[in-house]
Protein backbone atom coordinates (compact mmCIF):
# COMPACT_ATOMS: atom_id res chain seq x y z
CA MET A 1 -15.06 -3.59 -52.11
CA LYS A 2 -13.99 0.03 -51.75
CA LYS A 3 -17.60 1.03 -51.17
CA THR A 4 -17.75 -1.24 -48.11
CA SER A 5 -14.47 0.03 -46.72
CA ASN A 6 -15.56 3.64 -47.34
CA LYS A 7 -18.81 2.97 -45.52
CA VAL A 8 -16.96 1.35 -42.63
CA ASP A 9 -14.48 4.21 -42.55
CA GLU A 10 -17.34 6.70 -42.42
CA GLU A 11 -19.05 4.80 -39.59
CA LEU A 12 -15.81 4.60 -37.61
CA ALA A 13 -15.14 8.29 -38.11
CA ALA A 14 -18.66 9.13 -36.93
CA LEU A 15 -18.21 6.97 -33.82
CA ALA A 16 -14.81 8.49 -33.08
CA ALA A 17 -16.30 11.99 -33.30
CA MET A 18 -19.21 11.12 -30.97
CA PRO A 19 -18.80 12.23 -27.34
CA ASP A 20 -18.59 9.31 -24.86
CA GLY A 21 -21.76 10.45 -23.10
CA GLU A 22 -23.82 9.96 -26.27
CA ILE A 23 -22.77 6.34 -26.80
CA ASP A 24 -25.54 3.92 -25.76
CA THR A 25 -23.95 1.09 -23.76
CA SER A 26 -27.19 -0.17 -22.18
CA ASP A 27 -26.96 -3.49 -24.03
CA ILE A 28 -23.41 -4.14 -22.76
CA PRO A 29 -23.23 -5.59 -19.25
CA GLU A 30 -20.72 -3.88 -16.98
CA ILE A 31 -17.90 -6.15 -15.86
CA THR A 32 -17.27 -5.84 -12.14
CA ASP A 33 -15.56 -9.18 -11.49
CA TRP A 34 -12.17 -9.41 -13.17
CA SER A 35 -11.00 -12.46 -11.16
CA ASN A 36 -11.04 -14.72 -14.24
CA ALA A 37 -9.32 -12.22 -16.51
CA VAL A 38 -6.20 -13.42 -18.27
CA VAL A 39 -3.44 -10.86 -18.68
CA GLY A 40 -2.08 -10.75 -22.22
CA ARG A 41 -4.61 -13.23 -23.59
CA PHE A 42 -4.85 -11.44 -26.92
CA TYR A 43 -1.32 -10.04 -26.89
CA ARG A 44 0.95 -11.68 -29.42
CA PRO A 45 4.55 -10.49 -29.20
CA VAL A 46 6.40 -9.91 -32.44
CA LYS A 47 8.48 -12.94 -33.31
CA GLU A 48 12.05 -12.51 -34.46
CA THR A 49 14.06 -15.09 -36.36
CA VAL A 50 17.29 -16.00 -34.59
CA THR A 51 19.93 -18.68 -34.81
CA ILE A 52 21.01 -20.35 -31.57
CA ARG A 53 23.32 -23.23 -30.84
CA LEU A 54 21.98 -25.82 -28.41
CA ASP A 55 23.56 -28.93 -27.00
CA ALA A 56 22.41 -31.97 -28.98
CA ASP A 57 20.89 -33.68 -25.93
CA VAL A 58 18.91 -30.55 -25.05
CA LEU A 59 17.57 -30.28 -28.60
CA ASP A 60 16.68 -34.00 -28.63
CA TRP A 61 14.81 -33.58 -25.36
CA LEU A 62 12.86 -30.62 -26.74
CA LYS A 63 12.00 -32.48 -29.93
CA GLN A 64 10.74 -35.54 -28.01
CA GLY A 65 7.57 -33.58 -27.31
CA GLY A 66 6.79 -33.64 -31.02
CA LYS A 67 6.01 -30.70 -33.24
CA GLY A 68 6.45 -27.24 -31.77
CA TYR A 69 9.82 -27.53 -30.06
CA GLN A 70 10.63 -23.91 -30.90
CA THR A 71 7.48 -22.81 -29.10
CA ARG A 72 8.58 -24.90 -26.11
CA VAL A 73 11.99 -23.19 -26.15
CA ASN A 74 10.23 -19.82 -26.16
CA LYS A 75 7.94 -20.82 -23.25
CA ILE A 76 10.87 -22.05 -21.19
CA LEU A 77 12.85 -18.87 -21.82
CA ARG A 78 9.80 -16.71 -21.07
CA ALA A 79 9.25 -18.50 -17.73
CA VAL A 80 12.89 -17.91 -16.77
CA MET A 81 12.64 -14.27 -17.87
CA GLU A 82 9.46 -13.67 -15.83
CA GLN A 83 11.00 -15.35 -12.78
CA ALA A 84 14.08 -13.11 -13.08
CA ARG A 85 11.86 -10.04 -13.43
CA LYS A 86 9.93 -10.97 -10.28
CA LYS A 87 13.19 -11.41 -8.36
CA ALA A 88 14.41 -8.04 -9.58
CA ALA A 89 11.14 -6.39 -8.52
CA TRP A 90 11.60 -7.63 -4.91
CA LYS A 91 15.00 -5.97 -4.59
């Protein structure tokens, strides 16, 4: 397996050393319309384990949606955070 990784490493090093003008991009279509682009599509923030205390009725409500209630908590908090950031940017 080291032979493969060495070969890959060598290829990557050769590409990194190549000037941009020498790279053939003729088979890659140029993107001129970014209207359907999704910001952060491949960005995955680092998760951190925390302990929070929630009211029992709030936790029950979150769990009613089935599996993934922690993800729902994160999405709700992110939406509030982004809304607060937008408000702050207008000031």
